[in-house]
């Protein structure tokens, strides 16, 4: 898969959070997707299967928080998304983190989330 295709998938993924529109996740998540969230400590929660991953990400996308992608790096079928999630007006009302993403055949098969603590 080309880096352009990987970037297009990641941009649509990010748009779901920017536009608070979980429907934009449709078709992006593979049936065998695995997602590891940053919490709870020490290892975070693990979501296995496309439906479980979509449900988790949809909850964030539909939420009231403001998602701000800061930078995206793409290498083949892998991507790193550096972001900030805000729930209030100041930096103290936010968290910064990264998602390590892996795609296969144009769909997300792995998402590993990490936040600054």
PDB file of N, CA and C in Angstrom:
ATOM      1  N   UNK A   1       0.843  -1.172   0.000  1.00  0.00           N
ATOM      2  CA  UNK A   1       0.000   0.000   0.000  1.00  0.00           C
ATOM      3  C   UNK A   1       0.890   1.238   0.000  1.00  0.00           C
ATOM      4  N   UNK A   2       0.517   2.221  -0.752  1.00  0.00           N
ATOM      5  CA  UNK A   2       1.324   3.435  -0.861  1.00  0.00           C
ATOM      6  C   UNK A   2       1.165   4.308   0.383  1.00  0.00           C
ATOM      7  N   UNK A   3       2.157   5.157   0.599  1.00  0.00           N
ATOM      8  CA  UNK A   3       2.074   6.096   1.715  1.00  0.00           C
ATOM      9  C   UNK A   3       0.929   7.082   1.518  1.00  0.00           C
ATOM     10  N   UNK A   4       0.615   7.404   0.264  1.00  0.00           N
ATOM     11  CA  UNK A   4      -0.507   8.308  -0.004  1.00  0.00           C
ATOM     12  C   UNK A   4      -1.820   7.686   0.464  1.00  0.00           C
ATOM     13  N   UNK A   5      -1.993   6.380   0.210  1.00  0.00           N
ATOM     14  CA  UNK A   5      -3.208   5.685   0.647  1.00  0.00           C
ATOM     15  C   UNK A   5      -3.253   5.606   2.176  1.00  0.00           C
ATOM     16  N   UNK A   6      -2.113   5.299   2.786  1.00  0.00           N
ATOM     17  CA  UNK A   6      -2.055   5.265   4.250  1.00  0.00           C
ATOM     18  C   UNK A   6      -2.456   6.622   4.824  1.00  0.00           C
ATOM     19  N   UNK A   7      -1.902   7.694   4.269  1.00  0.00           N
ATOM     20  CA  UNK A   7      -2.225   9.035   4.749  1.00  0.00           C
ATOM     21  C   UNK A   7      -3.706   9.350   4.553  1.00  0.00           C
ATOM     22  N   UNK A   8      -4.287   8.935   3.439  1.00  0.00           N
ATOM     23  CA  UNK A   8      -5.711   9.180   3.192  1.00  0.00           C
ATOM     24  C   UNK A   8      -6.577   8.483   4.245  1.00  0.00           C
ATOM     25  N   UNK A   9      -6.233   7.250   4.594  1.00  0.00           N
ATOM     26  CA  UNK A   9      -6.982   6.522   5.623  1.00  0.00           C
ATOM     27  C   UNK A   9      -6.835   7.224   6.973  1.00  0.00           C
ATOM     28  N   UNK A  10      -5.618   7.611   7.325  1.00  0.00           N
ATOM     29  CA  UNK A  10      -5.377   8.281   8.608  1.00  0.00           C
ATOM     30  C   UNK A  10      -6.081   9.634   8.647  1.00  0.00           C
ATOM     31  N   UNK A  11      -6.087  10.364   7.553  1.00  0.00           N
ATOM     32  CA  UNK A  11      -6.796  11.649   7.519  1.00  0.00           C
ATOM     33  C   UNK A  11      -8.294  11.457   7.733  1.00  0.00           C
ATOM     34  N   UNK A  12      -8.882  10.419   7.118  1.00  0.00           N
ATOM     35  CA  UNK A  12     -10.307  10.152   7.328  1.00  0.00           C
ATOM     36  C   UNK A  12     -10.560   9.731   8.776  1.00  0.00           C
ATOM     37  N   UNK A  13      -9.662   8.920   9.332  1.00  0.00           N
ATOM     38  CA  UNK A  13      -9.752   8.527  10.742  1.00  0.00           C
ATOM     39  C   UNK A  13      -9.754   9.783  11.629  1.00  0.00           C
ATOM     40  N   UNK A  14      -8.811  10.682  11.413  1.00  0.00           N
ATOM     41  CA  UNK A  14      -8.742  11.920  12.196  1.00  0.00           C
ATOM     42  C   UNK A  14      -9.986  12.776  12.006  1.00  0.00           C
ATOM     43  N   UNK A  15     -10.512  12.819  10.779  1.00  0.00           N
ATOM     44  CA  UNK A  15     -11.716  13.607  10.509  1.00  0.00           C
ATOM     45  C   UNK A  15     -12.901  13.150  11.359  1.00  0.00           C
ATOM     46  N   UNK A  16     -12.976  11.862  11.655  1.00  0.00           N
ATOM     47  CA  UNK A  16     -14.068  11.364  12.502  1.00  0.00           C
ATOM     48  C   UNK A  16     -14.060  12.071  13.855  1.00  0.00           C
ATOM     49  N   UNK A  17     -12.870  12.344  14.380  1.00  0.00           N
ATOM     50  CA  UNK A  17     -12.742  13.004  15.682  1.00  0.00           C
ATOM     51  C   UNK A  17     -12.872  14.523  15.551  1.00  0.00           C
ATOM     52  N   UNK A  18     -12.307  15.080  14.489  1.00  0.00           N
ATOM     53  CA  UNK A  18     -12.393  16.526  14.270  1.00  0.00           C
ATOM     54  C   UNK A  18     -13.832  16.975  14.033  1.00  0.00           C
ATOM     55  N   UNK A  19     -14.599  16.155  13.316  1.00  0.00           N
ATOM     56  CA  UNK A  19     -15.980  16.501  12.953  1.00  0.00           C
ATOM     57  C   UNK A  19     -17.007  15.866  13.883  1.00  0.00           C
ATOM     58  N   UNK A  20     -16.539  15.143  14.897  1.00  0.00           N
ATOM     59  CA  UNK A  20     -17.438  14.428  15.817  1.00  0.00           C
ATOM     60  C   UNK A  20     -18.426  13.568  15.031  1.00  0.00           C
ATOM     61  N   UNK A  21     -17.913  12.826  14.048  1.00  0.00           N
ATOM     62  CA  UNK A  21     -18.748  12.023  13.153  1.00  0.00           C
ATOM     63  C   UNK A  21     -18.223  10.588  13.085  1.00  0.00           C
ATOM     64  N   UNK A  22     -18.671   9.722  14.000  1.00  0.00           N
ATOM     65  CA  UNK A  22     -18.195   8.340  14.003  1.00  0.00           C
ATOM     66  C   UNK A  22     -18.477   7.589  12.706  1.00  0.00           C
ATOM     67  N   UNK A  23     -19.444   8.030  11.921  1.00  0.00           N
ATOM     68  CA  UNK A  23     -19.746   7.358  10.651  1.00  0.00           C
ATOM     69  C   UNK A  23     -18.549   7.391   9.704  1.00  0.00           C
ATOM     70  N   UNK A  24     -17.643   8.354   9.891  1.00  0.00           N
ATOM     71  CA  UNK A  24     -16.448   8.423   9.046  1.00  0.00           C
ATOM     72  C   UNK A  24     -15.494   7.260   9.306  1.00  0.00           C
ATOM     73  N   UNK A  25     -15.714   6.525  10.394  1.00  0.00           N
ATOM     74  CA  UNK A  25     -14.893   5.344  10.683  1.00  0.00           C
ATOM     75  C   UNK A  25     -15.333   4.126   9.867  1.00  0.00           C
ATOM     76  N   UNK A  26     -16.537   4.184   9.290  1.00  0.00           N
ATOM     77  CA  UNK A  26     -17.061   3.057   8.516  1.00  0.00           C
ATOM     78  C   UNK A  26     -16.092   2.671   7.406  1.00  0.00           C
ATOM     79  N   UNK A  27     -15.774   1.405   7.334  1.00  0.00           N
ATOM     80  CA  UNK A  27     -14.895   0.890   6.292  1.00  0.00           C
ATOM     81  C   UNK A  27     -13.415   1.043   6.573  1.00  0.00           C
ATOM     82  N   UNK A  28     -13.049   1.760   7.634  1.00  0.00           N
ATOM     83  CA  UNK A  28     -11.632   1.993   7.931  1.00  0.00           C
ATOM     84  C   UNK A  28     -11.024   0.949   8.853  1.00  0.00           C
ATOM     85  N   UNK A  29     -11.852   0.220   9.587  1.00  0.00           N
ATOM     86  CA  UNK A  29     -11.364  -0.661  10.645  1.00  0.00           C
ATOM     87  C   UNK A  29     -11.547  -2.117  10.227  1.00  0.00           C
ATOM     88  N   UNK A  30     -10.445  -2.860  10.203  1.00  0.00           N
ATOM     89  CA  UNK A  30     -10.476  -4.267   9.800  1.00  0.00           C
ATOM     90  C   UNK A  30     -11.175  -5.117  10.858  1.00  0.00           C
ATOM     91  N   UNK A  31     -11.763  -6.226  10.421  1.00  0.00           N
ATOM     92  CA  UNK A  31     -12.449  -7.137  11.339  1.00  0.00           C
ATOM     93  C   UNK A  31     -11.525  -7.675  12.424  1.00  0.00           C
ATOM     94  N   UNK A  32     -10.234  -7.794  12.115  1.00  0.00           N
ATOM     95  CA  UNK A  32      -9.280  -8.347  13.084  1.00  0.00           C
ATOM     96  C   UNK A  32      -8.441  -7.265  13.771  1.00  0.00           C
ATOM     97  N   UNK A  33      -8.964  -6.056  13.810  1.00  0.00           N
ATOM     98  CA  UNK A  33      -8.257  -4.930  14.430  1.00  0.00           C
ATOM     99  C   UNK A  33      -8.045  -5.178  15.926  1.00  0.00           C
ATOM    100  N   UNK A  34      -6.913  -4.711  16.425  1.00  0.00           N
ATOM    101  CA  UNK A  34      -6.601  -4.736  17.855  1.00  0.00           C
ATOM    102  C   UNK A  34      -6.218  -3.321  18.269  1.00  0.00           C
ATOM    103  N   UNK A  35      -6.827  -2.851  19.349  1.00  0.00           N
ATOM    104  CA  UNK A  35      -6.582  -1.505  19.858  1.00  0.00           C
ATOM    105  C   UNK A  35      -6.151  -1.626  21.310  1.00  0.00           C
ATOM    106  N   UNK A  36      -5.093  -0.938  21.667  1.00  0.00           N
ATOM    107  CA  UNK A  36      -4.692  -0.837  23.066  1.00  0.00           C
ATOM    108  C   UNK A  36      -4.745   0.626  23.469  1.00  0.00           C
ATOM    109  N   UNK A  37      -5.591   0.919  24.449  1.00  0.00           N
ATOM    110  CA  UNK A  37      -5.763   2.269  24.960  1.00  0.00           C
ATOM    111  C   UNK A  37      -4.696   2.551  26.017  1.00  0.00           C
ATOM    112  N   UNK A  38      -4.523   3.807  26.351  1.00  0.00           N
ATOM    113  CA  UNK A  38      -3.485   4.204  27.307  1.00  0.00           C
ATOM    114  C   UNK A  38      -3.847   3.898  28.755  1.00  0.00           C
ATOM    115  N   UNK A  39      -5.107   3.758  29.073  1.00  0.00           N
ATOM    116  CA  UNK A  39      -5.497   3.513  30.450  1.00  0.00           C
ATOM    117  C   UNK A  39      -6.441   2.330  30.538  1.00  0.00           C
ATOM    118  N   UNK A  40      -6.592   1.782  31.693  1.00  0.00           N
ATOM    119  CA  UNK A  40      -5.945   2.138  32.952  1.00  0.00           C
ATOM    120  C   UNK A  40      -4.515   1.599  33.034  1.00  0.00           C
ATOM    121  N   UNK A  41      -3.736   2.218  33.919  1.00  0.00           N
ATOM    122  CA  UNK A  41      -2.350   1.794  34.117  1.00  0.00           C
ATOM    123  C   UNK A  41      -2.336   0.366  34.662  1.00  0.00           C
ATOM    124  N   UNK A  42      -1.334  -0.401  34.442  1.00  0.00           N
ATOM    125  CA  UNK A  42      -0.106  -0.031  33.749  1.00  0.00           C
ATOM    126  C   UNK A  42      -0.134  -0.311  32.248  1.00  0.00           C
ATOM    127  N   UNK A  43      -1.048  -1.162  31.771  1.00  0.00           N
ATOM    128  CA  UNK A  43      -0.991  -1.592  30.371  1.00  0.00           C
ATOM    129  C   UNK A  43      -2.118  -1.077  29.499  1.00  0.00           C
ATOM    130  N   UNK A  44      -3.115  -0.440  30.048  1.00  0.00           N
ATOM    131  CA  UNK A  44      -4.231   0.041  29.256  1.00  0.00           C
ATOM    132  C   UNK A  44      -5.226  -1.058  28.944  1.00  0.00           C
ATOM    133  N   UNK A  45      -6.360  -0.651  28.396  1.00  0.00           N
ATOM    134  CA  UNK A  45      -7.384  -1.616  28.009  1.00  0.00           C
ATOM    135  C   UNK A  45      -7.115  -2.103  26.592  1.00  0.00           C
ATOM    136  N   UNK A  46      -7.515  -3.340  26.326  1.00  0.00           N
ATOM    137  CA  UNK A  46      -7.293  -3.962  25.018  1.00  0.00           C
ATOM    138  C   UNK A  46      -8.656  -4.265  24.405  1.00  0.00           C
ATOM    139  N   UNK A  47      -8.824  -3.870  23.159  1.00  0.00           N
ATOM    140  CA  UNK A  47     -10.076  -4.082  22.432  1.00  0.00           C
ATOM    141  C   UNK A  47      -9.742  -4.909  21.197  1.00  0.00           C
ATOM    142  N   UNK A  48     -10.394  -6.059  21.059  1.00  0.00           N
ATOM    143  CA  UNK A  48     -10.072  -6.994  19.986  1.00  0.00           C
ATOM    144  C   UNK A  48     -11.279  -7.154  19.073  1.00  0.00           C
ATOM    145  N   UNK A  49     -11.043  -7.005  17.776  1.00  0.00           N
ATOM    146  CA  UNK A  49     -12.090  -7.141  16.772  1.00  0.00           C
ATOM    147  C   UNK A  49     -12.551  -5.786  16.275  1.00  0.00           C
ATOM    148  N   UNK A  50     -12.965  -5.762  15.027  1.00  0.00           N
ATOM    149  CA  UNK A  50     -13.381  -4.511  14.413  1.00  0.00           C
ATOM    150  C   UNK A  50     -14.520  -3.826  15.143  1.00  0.00           C
ATOM    151  N   UNK A  51     -15.516  -4.596  15.585  1.00  0.00           N
ATOM    152  CA  UNK A  51     -16.664  -4.002  16.269  1.00  0.00           C
ATOM    153  C   UNK A  51     -16.244  -3.359  17.590  1.00  0.00           C
ATOM    154  N   UNK A  52     -15.388  -4.031  18.343  1.00  0.00           N
ATOM    155  CA  UNK A  52     -14.934  -3.487  19.630  1.00  0.00           C
ATOM    156  C   UNK A  52     -14.102  -2.225  19.435  1.00  0.00           C
ATOM    157  N   UNK A  53     -13.235  -2.231  18.436  1.00  0.00           N
ATOM    158  CA  UNK A  53     -12.397  -1.056  18.163  1.00  0.00           C
ATOM    159  C   UNK A  53     -13.247   0.109  17.691  1.00  0.00           C
ATOM    160  N   UNK A  54     -14.202  -0.171  16.792  1.00  0.00           N
ATOM    161  CA  UNK A  54     -15.068   0.894  16.288  1.00  0.00           C
ATOM    162  C   UNK A  54     -15.901   1.484  17.426  1.00  0.00           C
ATOM    163  N   UNK A  55     -16.417   0.643  18.309  1.00  0.00           N
ATOM    164  CA  UNK A  55     -17.212   1.133  19.436  1.00  0.00           C
ATOM    165  C   UNK A  55     -16.383   2.060  20.330  1.00  0.00           C
ATOM    166  N   UNK A  56     -15.153   1.668  20.624  1.00  0.00           N
ATOM    167  CA  UNK A  56     -14.285   2.493  21.467  1.00  0.00           C
ATOM    168  C   UNK A  56     -14.011   3.838  20.801  1.00  0.00           C
ATOM    169  N   UNK A  57     -13.535   3.808  19.548  1.00  0.00           N
ATOM    170  CA  UNK A  57     -13.201   5.054  18.857  1.00  0.00           C
ATOM    171  C   UNK A  57     -14.438   5.911  18.607  1.00  0.00           C
ATOM    172  N   UNK A  58     -15.586   5.284  18.346  1.00  0.00           N
ATOM    173  CA  UNK A  58     -16.817   6.048  18.118  1.00  0.00           C
ATOM    174  C   UNK A  58     -17.210   6.837  19.352  1.00  0.00           C
ATOM    175  N   UNK A  59     -17.006   6.251  20.534  1.00  0.00           N
ATOM    176  CA  UNK A  59     -17.320   6.957  21.772  1.00  0.00           C
ATOM    177  C   UNK A  59     -16.508   8.226  21.935  1.00  0.00           C
ATOM    178  N   UNK A  60     -15.254   8.169  21.543  1.00  0.00           N
ATOM    179  CA  UNK A  60     -14.402   9.364  21.613  1.00  0.00           C
ATOM    180  C   UNK A  60     -14.821  10.371  20.546  1.00  0.00           C
ATOM    181  N   UNK A  61     -15.057   9.890  19.336  1.00  0.00           N
ATOM    182  CA  UNK A  61     -15.423  10.784  18.228  1.00  0.00           C
ATOM    183  C   UNK A  61     -16.730  11.514  18.512  1.00  0.00           C
ATOM    184  N   UNK A  62     -17.682  10.838  19.141  1.00  0.00           N
ATOM    185  CA  UNK A  62     -18.984  11.441  19.415  1.00  0.00           C
ATOM    186  C   UNK A  62     -18.961  12.336  20.651  1.00  0.00           C
ATOM    187  N   UNK A  63     -17.890  12.286  21.424  1.00  0.00           N
ATOM    188  CA  UNK A  63     -17.805  13.042  22.668  1.00  0.00           C
ATOM    189  C   UNK A  63     -17.650  14.537  22.459  1.00  0.00           C
ATOM    190  N   UNK A  64     -17.684  15.251  23.570  1.00  0.00           N
ATOM    191  CA  UNK A  64     -17.623  16.715  23.533  1.00  0.00           C
ATOM    192  C   UNK A  64     -16.203  17.256  23.462  1.00  0.00           C
ATOM    193  N   UNK A  65     -15.202  16.405  23.645  1.00  0.00           N
ATOM    194  CA  UNK A  65     -13.819  16.872  23.614  1.00  0.00           C
ATOM    195  C   UNK A  65     -13.406  17.383  22.250  1.00  0.00           C
ATOM    196  N   UNK A  66     -12.374  18.187  22.246  1.00  0.00           N
ATOM    197  CA  UNK A  66     -11.837  18.758  21.009  1.00  0.00           C
ATOM    198  C   UNK A  66     -10.519  18.064  20.679  1.00  0.00           C
ATOM    199  N   UNK A  67     -10.484  17.371  19.550  1.00  0.00           N
ATOM    200  CA  UNK A  67      -9.307  16.636  19.102  1.00  0.00           C
ATOM    201  C   UNK A  67      -8.485  17.524  18.181  1.00  0.00           C
ATOM    202  N   UNK A  68      -7.176  17.606  18.444  1.00  0.00           N
ATOM    203  CA  UNK A  68      -6.282  18.425  17.622  1.00  0.00           C
ATOM    204  C   UNK A  68      -5.086  17.590  17.191  1.00  0.00           C
ATOM    205  N   UNK A  69      -5.066  17.117  15.942  1.00  0.00           N
ATOM    206  CA  UNK A  69      -3.852  16.436  15.482  1.00  0.00           C
ATOM    207  C   UNK A  69      -2.719  17.452  15.375  1.00  0.00           C
ATOM    208  N   UNK A  70      -1.563  17.114  15.932  1.00  0.00           N
ATOM    209  CA  UNK A  70      -0.418  18.025  15.906  1.00  0.00           C
ATOM    210  C   UNK A  70       0.554  17.675  14.789  1.00  0.00           C
ATOM    211  N   UNK A  71       0.704  16.391  14.527  1.00  0.00           N
ATOM    212  CA  UNK A  71       1.633  15.973  13.473  1.00  0.00           C
ATOM    213  C   UNK A  71       1.327  14.529  13.099  1.00  0.00           C
ATOM    214  N   UNK A  72       1.546  14.202  11.835  1.00  0.00           N
ATOM    215  CA  UNK A  72       1.333  12.844  11.332  1.00  0.00           C
ATOM    216  C   UNK A  72       2.576  12.422  10.573  1.00  0.00           C
ATOM    217  N   UNK A  73       3.072  11.228  10.891  1.00  0.00           N
ATOM    218  CA  UNK A  73       4.181  10.634  10.139  1.00  0.00           C
ATOM    219  C   UNK A  73       3.679   9.346   9.516  1.00  0.00           C
ATOM    220  N   UNK A  74       4.043   9.106   8.273  1.00  0.00           N
ATOM    221  CA  UNK A  74       3.635   7.889   7.565  1.00  0.00           C
ATOM    222  C   UNK A  74       4.871   7.213   7.001  1.00  0.00           C
ATOM    223  N   UNK A  75       4.926   5.887   7.144  1.00  0.00           N
ATOM    224  CA  UNK A  75       5.985   5.066   6.547  1.00  0.00           C
ATOM    225  C   UNK A  75       5.336   3.765   6.093  1.00  0.00           C
ATOM    226  N   UNK A  76       5.098   3.653   4.800  1.00  0.00           N
ATOM    227  CA  UNK A  76       4.449   2.456   4.270  1.00  0.00           C
ATOM    228  C   UNK A  76       3.053   2.306   4.842  1.00  0.00           C
ATOM    229  N   UNK A  77       2.791   1.175   5.502  1.00  0.00           N
ATOM    230  CA  UNK A  77       1.481   0.907   6.094  1.00  0.00           C
ATOM    231  C   UNK A  77       1.425   1.279   7.575  1.00  0.00           C
ATOM    232  N   UNK A  78       2.367   2.061   8.028  1.00  0.00           N
ATOM    233  CA  UNK A  78       2.391   2.495   9.432  1.00  0.00           C
ATOM    234  C   UNK A  78       2.271   4.017   9.502  1.00  0.00           C
ATOM    235  N   UNK A  79       1.688   4.469  10.609  1.00  0.00           N
ATOM    236  CA  UNK A  79       1.543   5.911  10.816  1.00  0.00           C
ATOM    237  C   UNK A  79       1.638   6.217  12.302  1.00  0.00           C
ATOM    238  N   UNK A  80       2.117   7.407  12.600  1.00  0.00           N
ATOM    239  CA  UNK A  80       2.150   7.933  13.961  1.00  0.00           C
ATOM    240  C   UNK A  80       1.348   9.229  13.946  1.00  0.00           C
ATOM    241  N   UNK A  81       0.390   9.319  14.850  1.00  0.00           N
ATOM    242  CA  UNK A  81      -0.422  10.527  14.992  1.00  0.00           C
ATOM    243  C   UNK A  81      -0.093  11.138  16.352  1.00  0.00           C
ATOM    244  N   UNK A  82       0.482  12.333  16.347  1.00  0.00           N
ATOM    245  CA  UNK A  82       0.704  13.077  17.600  1.00  0.00           C
ATOM    246  C   UNK A  82      -0.459  14.038  17.742  1.00  0.00           C
ATOM    247  N   UNK A  83      -1.117  14.064  18.913  1.00  0.00           N
ATOM    248  CA  UNK A  83      -2.364  14.802  19.068  1.00  0.00           C
ATOM    249  C   UNK A  83      -2.508  15.404  20.464  1.00  0.00           C
ATOM    250  N   UNK A  84      -3.524  16.258  20.580  1.00  0.00           N
ATOM    251  CA  UNK A  84      -3.956  16.803  21.879  1.00  0.00           C
ATOM    252  C   UNK A  84      -5.477  16.653  21.928  1.00  0.00           C
ATOM    253  N   UNK A  85      -5.976  16.216  23.069  1.00  0.00           N
ATOM    254  CA  UNK A  85      -7.418  16.122  23.308  1.00  0.00           C
ATOM    255  C   UNK A  85      -7.765  17.106  24.415  1.00  0.00           C
ATOM    256  N   UNK A  86      -8.675  18.037  24.103  1.00  0.00           N
ATOM    257  CA  UNK A  86      -9.070  19.083  25.062  1.00  0.00           C
ATOM    258  C   UNK A  86     -10.503  18.846  25.534  1.00  0.00           C
ATOM    259  N   UNK A  87     -10.739  19.122  26.807  1.00  0.00           N
ATOM    260  CA  UNK A  87     -12.089  19.082  27.349  1.00  0.00           C
ATOM    261  C   UNK A  87     -12.419  20.384  28.071  1.00  0.00           C
ATOM    262  N   UNK A  88     -11.549  21.375  27.930  1.00  0.00           N
ATOM    263  CA  UNK A  88     -11.756  22.694  28.520  1.00  0.00           C
ATOM    264  C   UNK A  88     -10.885  23.717  27.816  1.00  0.00           C
ATOM    265  N   UNK A  89     -10.908  24.979  28.265  1.00  0.00           N
ATOM    266  CA  UNK A  89     -10.259  26.066  27.535  1.00  0.00           C
ATOM    267  C   UNK A  89      -8.743  26.193  27.717  1.00  0.00           C
ATOM    268  N   UNK A  90      -8.171  25.565  28.745  1.00  0.00           N
ATOM    269  CA  UNK A  90      -6.743  25.754  28.992  1.00  0.00           C
ATOM    270  C   UNK A  90      -5.963  24.468  28.713  1.00  0.00           C
ATOM    271  N   UNK A  91      -4.645  24.604  28.627  1.00  0.00           N
ATOM    272  CA  UNK A  91      -3.808  23.421  28.428  1.00  0.00           C
ATOM    273  C   UNK A  91      -3.930  22.440  29.594  1.00  0.00           C
ATOM    274  N   UNK A  92      -4.257  22.949  30.787  1.00  0.00           N
ATOM    275  CA  UNK A  92      -4.454  22.064  31.936  1.00  0.00           C
ATOM    276  C   UNK A  92      -5.686  21.175  31.755  1.00  0.00           C
ATOM    277  N   UNK A  93      -6.567  21.576  30.854  1.00  0.00           N
ATOM    278  CA  UNK A  93      -7.778  20.804  30.548  1.00  0.00           C
ATOM    279  C   UNK A  93      -7.567  19.970  29.289  1.00  0.00           C
ATOM    280  N   UNK A  94      -6.405  19.360  29.178  1.00  0.00           N
ATOM    281  CA  UNK A  94      -6.106  18.587  27.972  1.00  0.00           C
ATOM    282  C   UNK A  94      -5.074  17.515  28.282  1.00  0.00           C
ATOM    283  N   UNK A  95      -4.908  16.632  27.334  1.00  0.00           N
ATOM    284  CA  UNK A  95      -3.874  15.614  27.402  1.00  0.00           C
ATOM    285  C   UNK A  95      -3.271  15.482  26.003  1.00  0.00           C
ATOM    286  N   UNK A  96      -1.964  15.243  25.962  1.00  0.00           N
ATOM    287  CA  UNK A  96      -1.288  15.029  24.680  1.00  0.00           C
ATOM    288  C   UNK A  96      -0.887  13.566  24.584  1.00  0.00           C
ATOM    289  N   UNK A  97      -0.860  13.068  23.361  1.00  0.00           N
ATOM    290  CA  UNK A  97      -0.480  11.678  23.186  1.00  0.00           C
ATOM    291  C   UNK A  97      -0.131  11.349  21.754  1.00  0.00           C
ATOM    292  N   UNK A  98       0.116  10.064  21.538  1.00  0.00           N
ATOM    293  CA  UNK A  98       0.390   9.552  20.193  1.00  0.00           C
ATOM    294  C   UNK A  98      -0.387   8.264  19.992  1.00  0.00           C
ATOM    295  N   UNK A  99      -0.751   8.020  18.759  1.00  0.00           N
ATOM    296  CA  UNK A  99      -1.293   6.737  18.338  1.00  0.00           C
ATOM    297  C   UNK A  99      -0.331   6.148  17.328  1.00  0.00           C
ATOM    298  N   UNK A 100       0.057   4.903  17.548  1.00  0.00           N
ATOM    299  CA  UNK A 100       0.858   4.147  16.592  1.00  0.00           C
ATOM    300  C   UNK A 100      -0.113   3.262  15.830  1.00  0.00           C
ATOM    301  N   UNK A 101      -0.216   3.486  14.538  1.00  0.00           N
ATOM    302  CA  UNK A 101      -1.222   2.809  13.722  1.00  0.00           C
ATOM    303  C   UNK A 101      -0.553   1.905  12.690  1.00  0.00           C
ATOM    304  N   UNK A 102      -1.196   0.762  12.439  1.00  0.00           N
ATOM    305  CA  UNK A 102      -0.742  -0.137  11.374  1.00  0.00           C
ATOM    306  C   UNK A 102      -1.945  -0.481  10.515  1.00  0.00           C
ATOM    307  N   UNK A 103      -1.744  -0.411   9.210  1.00  0.00           N
ATOM    308  CA  UNK A 103      -2.804  -0.696   8.259  1.00  0.00           C
ATOM    309  C   UNK A 103      -2.445  -1.916   7.421  1.00  0.00           C
ATOM    310  N   UNK A 104      -3.475  -2.532   6.872  1.00  0.00           N
ATOM    311  CA  UNK A 104      -3.298  -3.609   5.909  1.00  0.00           C
ATOM    312  C   UNK A 104      -4.438  -3.504   4.905  1.00  0.00           C
ATOM    313  N   UNK A 105      -4.093  -3.489   3.632  1.00  0.00           N
ATOM    314  CA  UNK A 105      -5.108  -3.426   2.571  1.00  0.00           C
ATOM    315  C   UNK A 105      -6.078  -2.266   2.765  1.00  0.00           C
ATOM    316  N   UNK A 106      -5.560  -1.130   3.216  1.00  0.00           N
ATOM    317  CA  UNK A 106      -6.375   0.071   3.333  1.00  0.00           C
ATOM    318  C   UNK A 106      -7.250   0.154   4.569  1.00  0.00           C
ATOM    319  N   UNK A 107      -7.044  -0.756   5.531  1.00  0.00           N
ATOM    320  CA  UNK A 107      -7.822  -0.714   6.767  1.00  0.00           C
ATOM    321  C   UNK A 107      -6.893  -0.746   7.979  1.00  0.00           C
ATOM    322  N   UNK A 108      -7.367  -0.190   9.075  1.00  0.00           N
ATOM    323  CA  UNK A 108      -6.602  -0.173  10.317  1.00  0.00           C
ATOM    324  C   UNK A 108      -6.684  -1.552  10.968  1.00  0.00           C
ATOM    325  N   UNK A 109      -5.523  -2.143  11.249  1.00  0.00           N
ATOM    326  CA  UNK A 109      -5.475  -3.445  11.921  1.00  0.00           C
ATOM    327  C   UNK A 109      -4.889  -3.342  13.328  1.00  0.00           C
ATOM    328  N   UNK A 110      -4.275  -2.204  13.635  1.00  0.00           N
ATOM    329  CA  UNK A 110      -3.687  -2.045  14.961  1.00  0.00           C
ATOM    330  C   UNK A 110      -3.617  -0.568  15.316  1.00  0.00           C
ATOM    331  N   UNK A 111      -4.012  -0.251  16.535  1.00  0.00           N
ATOM    332  CA  UNK A 111      -3.896   1.098  17.066  1.00  0.00           C
ATOM    333  C   UNK A 111      -3.420   1.028  18.506  1.00  0.00           C
ATOM    334  N   UNK A 112      -2.277   1.605  18.778  1.00  0.00           N
ATOM    335  CA  UNK A 112      -1.718   1.615  20.125  1.00  0.00           C
ATOM    336  C   UNK A 112      -1.663   3.063  20.601  1.00  0.00           C
ATOM    337  N   UNK A 113      -2.395   3.387  21.662  1.00  0.00           N
ATOM    338  CA  UNK A 113      -2.463   4.752  22.153  1.00  0.00           C
ATOM    339  C   UNK A 113      -1.622   4.966  23.397  1.00  0.00           C
ATOM    340  N   UNK A 114      -0.905   6.076  23.419  1.00  0.00           N
ATOM    341  CA  UNK A 114      -0.056   6.440  24.559  1.00  0.00           C
ATOM    342  C   UNK A 114      -0.282   7.911  24.869  1.00  0.00           C
ATOM    343  N   UNK A 115      -0.327   8.259  26.163  1.00  0.00           N
ATOM    344  CA  UNK A 115      -0.492   9.660  26.556  1.00  0.00           C
ATOM    345  C   UNK A 115       0.621  10.067  27.506  1.00  0.00           C
ATOM    346  N   UNK A 116       0.865  11.391  27.544  1.00  0.00           N
ATOM    347  CA  UNK A 116       1.822  11.940  28.506  1.00  0.00           C
ATOM    348  C   UNK A 116       1.152  11.930  29.867  1.00  0.00           C
ATOM    349  N   UNK A 117       1.872  11.509  30.877  1.00  0.00           N
ATOM    350  CA  UNK A 117       1.251  11.366  32.191  1.00  0.00           C
ATOM    351  C   UNK A 117       1.772  12.310  33.211  1.00  0.00           C
TER     352      UNK A 117
END
